[in-house]
Amino acid sequence: DFHTLTVDGVPVAHQFCARYQGTSF
């Protein structure tokens, strides 16, 4: 679960998670 927030196409924030057995860590 690795997501990036872009504003007008530019990355401004990231969050790196691991999803396992129904939980995102």
PDB file of all heavy atoms in Angstrom:
ATOM      1  N   ASP A   1       0.869  -1.173   0.000  1.00  0.00           N
ATOM      2  CA  ASP A   1       0.000   0.000   0.000  1.00  0.00           C
ATOM      3  C   ASP A   1       0.911   1.230   0.000  1.00  0.00           C
ATOM      4  O   ASP A   1       1.244   1.772   1.054  1.00  0.00           O
ATOM      5  CB  ASP A   1      -0.889   0.022   1.259  1.00  0.00           C
ATOM      6  CG  ASP A   1      -2.209  -0.690   1.068  1.00  0.00           C
ATOM      7  OD1 ASP A   1      -2.585  -0.953  -0.087  1.00  0.00           O
ATOM      8  OD2 ASP A   1      -2.868  -0.981   2.078  1.00  0.00           O
ATOM      9  N   PHE A   2       1.340   1.641  -1.162  1.00  0.00           N
ATOM     10  CA  PHE A   2       2.282   2.757  -1.296  1.00  0.00           C
ATOM     11  C   PHE A   2       1.603   3.804  -2.174  1.00  0.00           C
ATOM     12  O   PHE A   2       1.369   3.581  -3.362  1.00  0.00           O
ATOM     13  CB  PHE A   2       3.581   2.257  -1.923  1.00  0.00           C
ATOM     14  CG  PHE A   2       4.726   3.236  -1.942  1.00  0.00           C
ATOM     15  CD1 PHE A   2       4.692   4.424  -1.219  1.00  0.00           C
ATOM     16  CD2 PHE A   2       5.869   2.955  -2.685  1.00  0.00           C
ATOM     17  CE1 PHE A   2       5.746   5.308  -1.227  1.00  0.00           C
ATOM     18  CE2 PHE A   2       6.943   3.835  -2.707  1.00  0.00           C
ATOM     19  CZ  PHE A   2       6.878   5.007  -1.984  1.00  0.00           C
ATOM     20  N   HIS A   3       1.259   4.949  -1.574  1.00  0.00           N
ATOM     21  CA  HIS A   3       0.474   5.957  -2.276  1.00  0.00           C
ATOM     22  C   HIS A   3       1.183   7.312  -2.271  1.00  0.00           C
ATOM     23  O   HIS A   3       1.874   7.666  -1.310  1.00  0.00           O
ATOM     24  CB  HIS A   3      -0.906   6.115  -1.639  1.00  0.00           C
ATOM     25  CG  HIS A   3      -1.794   4.929  -1.825  1.00  0.00           C
ATOM     26  ND1 HIS A   3      -1.791   3.854  -0.962  1.00  0.00           N
ATOM     27  CD2 HIS A   3      -2.721   4.651  -2.784  1.00  0.00           C
ATOM     28  CE1 HIS A   3      -2.684   2.963  -1.380  1.00  0.00           C
ATOM     29  NE2 HIS A   3      -3.251   3.420  -2.471  1.00  0.00           N
ATOM     30  N   THR A   4       0.940   8.049  -3.340  1.00  0.00           N
ATOM     31  CA  THR A   4       1.483   9.395  -3.509  1.00  0.00           C
ATOM     32  C   THR A   4       0.339  10.377  -3.702  1.00  0.00           C
ATOM     33  O   THR A   4      -0.608  10.104  -4.451  1.00  0.00           O
ATOM     34  CB  THR A   4       2.407   9.457  -4.739  1.00  0.00           C
ATOM     35  OG1 THR A   4       3.486   8.532  -4.557  1.00  0.00           O
ATOM     36  CG2 THR A   4       2.955  10.857  -4.942  1.00  0.00           C
ATOM     37  N   LEU A   5       0.436  11.512  -3.034  1.00  0.00           N
ATOM     38  CA  LEU A   5      -0.490  12.612  -3.265  1.00  0.00           C
ATOM     39  C   LEU A   5       0.191  13.592  -4.206  1.00  0.00           C
ATOM     40  O   LEU A   5       1.272  14.103  -3.901  1.00  0.00           O
ATOM     41  CB  LEU A   5      -0.844  13.302  -1.947  1.00  0.00           C
ATOM     42  CG  LEU A   5      -1.841  14.459  -2.054  1.00  0.00           C
ATOM     43  CD1 LEU A   5      -3.244  13.936  -2.359  1.00  0.00           C
ATOM     44  CD2 LEU A   5      -1.856  15.276  -0.762  1.00  0.00           C
ATOM     45  N   THR A   6      -0.429  13.840  -5.367  1.00  0.00           N
ATOM     46  CA  THR A   6       0.109  14.824  -6.293  1.00  0.00           C
ATOM     47  C   THR A   6      -0.819  16.028  -6.351  1.00  0.00           C
ATOM     48  O   THR A   6      -2.043  15.895  -6.267  1.00  0.00           O
ATOM     49  CB  THR A   6       0.281  14.248  -7.717  1.00  0.00           C
ATOM     50  OG1 THR A   6      -0.997  13.964  -8.279  1.00  0.00           O
ATOM     51  CG2 THR A   6       1.124  12.984  -7.694  1.00  0.00           C
ATOM     52  N   VAL A   7      -0.223  17.193  -6.496  1.00  0.00           N
ATOM     53  CA  VAL A   7      -0.967  18.436  -6.685  1.00  0.00           C
ATOM     54  C   VAL A   7      -0.494  19.030  -8.008  1.00  0.00           C
ATOM     55  O   VAL A   7       0.692  19.335  -8.167  1.00  0.00           O
ATOM     56  CB  VAL A   7      -0.748  19.423  -5.529  1.00  0.00           C
ATOM     57  CG1 VAL A   7      -1.470  20.728  -5.800  1.00  0.00           C
ATOM     58  CG2 VAL A   7      -1.220  18.813  -4.213  1.00  0.00           C
ATOM     59  N   ASP A   8      -1.400  19.137  -8.945  1.00  0.00           N
ATOM     60  CA  ASP A   8      -1.079  19.605 -10.301  1.00  0.00           C
ATOM     61  C   ASP A   8       0.077  18.795 -10.889  1.00  0.00           C
ATOM     62  O   ASP A   8       0.994  19.333 -11.535  1.00  0.00           O
ATOM     63  CB  ASP A   8      -0.743  21.096 -10.300  1.00  0.00           C
ATOM     64  CG  ASP A   8      -1.941  21.961  -9.912  1.00  0.00           C
ATOM     65  OD1 ASP A   8      -3.078  21.532 -10.170  1.00  0.00           O
ATOM     66  OD2 ASP A   8      -1.729  23.046  -9.334  1.00  0.00           O
ATOM     67  N   GLY A   9       0.039  17.479 -10.619  1.00  0.00           N
ATOM     68  CA  GLY A   9       1.014  16.559 -11.189  1.00  0.00           C
ATOM     69  C   GLY A   9       2.314  16.435 -10.446  1.00  0.00           C
ATOM     70  O   GLY A   9       3.177  15.630 -10.834  1.00  0.00           O
ATOM     71  N   VAL A  10       2.504  17.184  -9.368  1.00  0.00           N
ATOM     72  CA  VAL A  10       3.765  17.174  -8.614  1.00  0.00           C
ATOM     73  C   VAL A  10       3.577  16.400  -7.305  1.00  0.00           C
ATOM     74  O   VAL A  10       2.645  16.695  -6.546  1.00  0.00           O
ATOM     75  CB  VAL A  10       4.237  18.605  -8.307  1.00  0.00           C
ATOM     76  CG1 VAL A  10       5.525  18.584  -7.481  1.00  0.00           C
ATOM     77  CG2 VAL A  10       4.437  19.378  -9.597  1.00  0.00           C
ATOM     78  N   PRO A  11       4.446  15.409  -6.994  1.00  0.00           N
ATOM     79  CA  PRO A  11       4.321  14.682  -5.722  1.00  0.00           C
ATOM     80  C   PRO A  11       4.596  15.603  -4.534  1.00  0.00           C
ATOM     81  O   PRO A  11       5.631  16.277  -4.491  1.00  0.00           O
ATOM     82  CB  PRO A  11       5.397  13.594  -5.823  1.00  0.00           C
ATOM     83  CG  PRO A  11       5.733  13.497  -7.277  1.00  0.00           C
ATOM     84  CD  PRO A  11       5.528  14.875  -7.836  1.00  0.00           C
ATOM     85  N   VAL A  12       3.663  15.632  -3.575  1.00  0.00           N
ATOM     86  CA  VAL A  12       3.856  16.464  -2.390  1.00  0.00           C
ATOM     87  C   VAL A  12       3.834  15.644  -1.102  1.00  0.00           C
ATOM     88  O   VAL A  12       4.221  16.152  -0.045  1.00  0.00           O
ATOM     89  CB  VAL A  12       2.793  17.583  -2.303  1.00  0.00           C
ATOM     90  CG1 VAL A  12       2.916  18.525  -3.498  1.00  0.00           C
ATOM     91  CG2 VAL A  12       1.387  17.013  -2.214  1.00  0.00           C
ATOM     92  N   ALA A  13       3.395  14.388  -1.169  1.00  0.00           N
ATOM     93  CA  ALA A  13       3.365  13.546   0.037  1.00  0.00           C
ATOM     94  C   ALA A  13       3.300  12.087  -0.383  1.00  0.00           C
ATOM     95  O   ALA A  13       2.720  11.732  -1.422  1.00  0.00           O
ATOM     96  CB  ALA A  13       2.161  13.897   0.916  1.00  0.00           C
ATOM     97  N   HIS A  14       3.923  11.238   0.437  1.00  0.00           N
ATOM     98  CA  HIS A  14       3.922   9.788   0.209  1.00  0.00           C
ATOM     99  C   HIS A  14       3.580   9.071   1.506  1.00  0.00           C
ATOM    100  O   HIS A  14       3.888   9.555   2.599  1.00  0.00           O
ATOM    101  CB  HIS A  14       5.297   9.291  -0.243  1.00  0.00           C
ATOM    102  CG  HIS A  14       5.806   9.898  -1.502  1.00  0.00           C
ATOM    103  ND1 HIS A  14       5.356   9.552  -2.746  1.00  0.00           N
ATOM    104  CD2 HIS A  14       6.775  10.841  -1.706  1.00  0.00           C
ATOM    105  CE1 HIS A  14       6.006  10.238  -3.671  1.00  0.00           C
ATOM    106  NE2 HIS A  14       6.869  11.032  -3.058  1.00  0.00           N
ATOM    107  N   GLN A  15       3.005   7.891   1.368  1.00  0.00           N
ATOM    108  CA  GLN A  15       2.784   7.016   2.524  1.00  0.00           C
ATOM    109  C   GLN A  15       3.033   5.574   2.097  1.00  0.00           C
ATOM    110  O   GLN A  15       2.428   5.089   1.136  1.00  0.00           O
ATOM    111  CB  GLN A  15       1.371   7.174   3.063  1.00  0.00           C
ATOM    112  CG  GLN A  15       1.191   6.557   4.442  1.00  0.00           C
ATOM    113  CD  GLN A  15      -0.167   6.866   5.026  1.00  0.00           C
ATOM    114  OE1 GLN A  15      -0.993   5.980   5.173  1.00  0.00           O
ATOM    115  NE2 GLN A  15      -0.400   8.126   5.363  1.00  0.00           N
ATOM    116  N   PHE A  16       3.944   4.917   2.813  1.00  0.00           N
ATOM    117  CA  PHE A  16       4.356   3.549   2.505  1.00  0.00           C
ATOM    118  C   PHE A  16       3.778   2.637   3.588  1.00  0.00           C
ATOM    119  O   PHE A  16       4.163   2.720   4.756  1.00  0.00           O
ATOM    120  CB  PHE A  16       5.888   3.468   2.504  1.00  0.00           C
ATOM    121  CG  PHE A  16       6.460   2.151   2.041  1.00  0.00           C
ATOM    122  CD1 PHE A  16       7.103   2.052   0.817  1.00  0.00           C
ATOM    123  CD2 PHE A  16       6.389   1.015   2.835  1.00  0.00           C
ATOM    124  CE1 PHE A  16       7.666   0.847   0.394  1.00  0.00           C
ATOM    125  CE2 PHE A  16       6.933  -0.187   2.427  1.00  0.00           C
ATOM    126  CZ  PHE A  16       7.574  -0.268   1.193  1.00  0.00           C
ATOM    127  N   CYS A  17       2.851   1.774   3.189  1.00  0.00           N
ATOM    128  CA  CYS A  17       2.205   0.846   4.115  1.00  0.00           C
ATOM    129  C   CYS A  17       2.324  -0.585   3.586  1.00  0.00           C
ATOM    130  O   CYS A  17       2.543  -0.802   2.385  1.00  0.00           O
ATOM    131  CB  CYS A  17       0.727   1.172   4.295  1.00  0.00           C
ATOM    132  SG  CYS A  17       0.367   2.829   4.909  1.00  0.00           S
ATOM    133  N   ALA A  18       2.150  -1.532   4.464  1.00  0.00           N
ATOM    134  CA  ALA A  18       2.055  -2.942   4.092  1.00  0.00           C
ATOM    135  C   ALA A  18       0.668  -3.434   4.468  1.00  0.00           C
ATOM    136  O   ALA A  18       0.235  -3.266   5.613  1.00  0.00           O
ATOM    137  CB  ALA A  18       3.118  -3.763   4.816  1.00  0.00           C
ATOM    138  N   ARG A  19      -0.031  -4.026   3.506  1.00  0.00           N
ATOM    139  CA  ARG A  19      -1.365  -4.550   3.778  1.00  0.00           C
ATOM    140  C   ARG A  19      -1.271  -6.069   3.953  1.00  0.00           C
ATOM    141  O   ARG A  19      -0.780  -6.781   3.074  1.00  0.00           O
ATOM    142  CB  ARG A  19      -2.324  -4.240   2.639  1.00  0.00           C
ATOM    143  CG  ARG A  19      -3.763  -4.628   2.967  1.00  0.00           C
ATOM    144  CD  ARG A  19      -4.694  -4.453   1.788  1.00  0.00           C
ATOM    145  NE  ARG A  19      -4.743  -3.082   1.275  1.00  0.00           N
ATOM    146  CZ  ARG A  19      -5.656  -2.680   0.404  1.00  0.00           C
ATOM    147  NH1 ARG A  19      -6.573  -3.519  -0.060  1.00  0.00           N
ATOM    148  NH2 ARG A  19      -5.635  -1.428  -0.019  1.00  0.00           N
ATOM    149  N   TYR A  20      -1.751  -6.528   5.099  1.00  0.00           N
ATOM    150  CA  TYR A  20      -1.624  -7.957   5.405  1.00  0.00           C
ATOM    151  C   TYR A  20      -2.766  -8.377   6.317  1.00  0.00           C
ATOM    152  O   TYR A  20      -3.021  -7.733   7.335  1.00  0.00           O
ATOM    153  CB  TYR A  20      -0.275  -8.216   6.099  1.00  0.00           C
ATOM    154  CG  TYR A  20       0.045  -9.669   6.367  1.00  0.00           C
ATOM    155  CD1 TYR A  20       0.577 -10.477   5.369  1.00  0.00           C
ATOM    156  CD2 TYR A  20      -0.173 -10.223   7.623  1.00  0.00           C
ATOM    157  CE1 TYR A  20       0.881 -11.805   5.622  1.00  0.00           C
ATOM    158  CE2 TYR A  20       0.126 -11.558   7.878  1.00  0.00           C
ATOM    159  CZ  TYR A  20       0.651 -12.341   6.873  1.00  0.00           C
ATOM    160  OH  TYR A  20       0.953 -13.669   7.118  1.00  0.00           O
ATOM    161  N   GLN A  21      -3.451  -9.448   5.927  1.00  0.00           N
ATOM    162  CA  GLN A  21      -4.519 -10.026   6.737  1.00  0.00           C
ATOM    163  C   GLN A  21      -5.538  -8.985   7.182  1.00  0.00           C
ATOM    164  O   GLN A  21      -5.945  -8.935   8.347  1.00  0.00           O
ATOM    165  CB  GLN A  21      -3.930 -10.742   7.956  1.00  0.00           C
ATOM    166  CG  GLN A  21      -2.961 -11.863   7.628  1.00  0.00           C
ATOM    167  CD  GLN A  21      -3.619 -13.069   6.991  1.00  0.00           C
ATOM    168  OE1 GLN A  21      -4.332 -12.947   6.013  1.00  0.00           O
ATOM    169  NE2 GLN A  21      -3.387 -14.238   7.542  1.00  0.00           N
ATOM    170  N   GLY A  22      -5.953  -8.126   6.244  1.00  0.00           N
ATOM    171  CA  GLY A  22      -7.019  -7.184   6.536  1.00  0.00           C
ATOM    172  C   GLY A  22      -6.628  -5.930   7.282  1.00  0.00           C
ATOM    173  O   GLY A  22      -7.489  -5.152   7.696  1.00  0.00           O
ATOM    174  N   THR A  23      -5.311  -5.693   7.438  1.00  0.00           N
ATOM    175  CA  THR A  23      -4.829  -4.488   8.117  1.00  0.00           C
ATOM    176  C   THR A  23      -3.776  -3.818   7.245  1.00  0.00           C
ATOM    177  O   THR A  23      -2.936  -4.491   6.642  1.00  0.00           O
ATOM    178  CB  THR A  23      -4.215  -4.830   9.486  1.00  0.00           C
ATOM    179  OG1 THR A  23      -5.232  -5.355  10.343  1.00  0.00           O
ATOM    180  CG2 THR A  23      -3.613  -3.596  10.146  1.00  0.00           C
ATOM    181  N   SER A  24      -3.828  -2.490   7.175  1.00  0.00           N
ATOM    182  CA  SER A  24      -2.779  -1.733   6.506  1.00  0.00           C
ATOM    183  C   SER A  24      -1.882  -1.127   7.585  1.00  0.00           C
ATOM    184  O   SER A  24      -2.343  -0.362   8.441  1.00  0.00           O
ATOM    185  CB  SER A  24      -3.379  -0.623   5.631  1.00  0.00           C
ATOM    186  OG  SER A  24      -2.380  -0.029   4.826  1.00  0.00           O
ATOM    187  N   PHE A  25      -0.600  -1.495   7.561  1.00  0.00           N
ATOM    188  CA  PHE A  25       0.368  -1.067   8.576  1.00  0.00           C
ATOM    189  C   PHE A  25       1.172   0.120   8.037  1.00  0.00           C
ATOM    190  O   PHE A  25       1.847   0.009   7.012  1.00  0.00           O
ATOM    191  CB  PHE A  25       1.327  -2.207   8.922  1.00  0.00           C
ATOM    192  CG  PHE A  25       0.660  -3.419   9.512  1.00  0.00           C
ATOM    193  CD1 PHE A  25       0.217  -4.448   8.695  1.00  0.00           C
ATOM    194  CD2 PHE A  25       0.473  -3.527  10.880  1.00  0.00           C
ATOM    195  CE1 PHE A  25      -0.398  -5.570   9.236  1.00  0.00           C
ATOM    196  CE2 PHE A  25      -0.142  -4.642  11.434  1.00  0.00           C
ATOM    197  CZ  PHE A  25      -0.582  -5.668  10.610  1.00  0.00           C
TER     198      PHE A  25
END
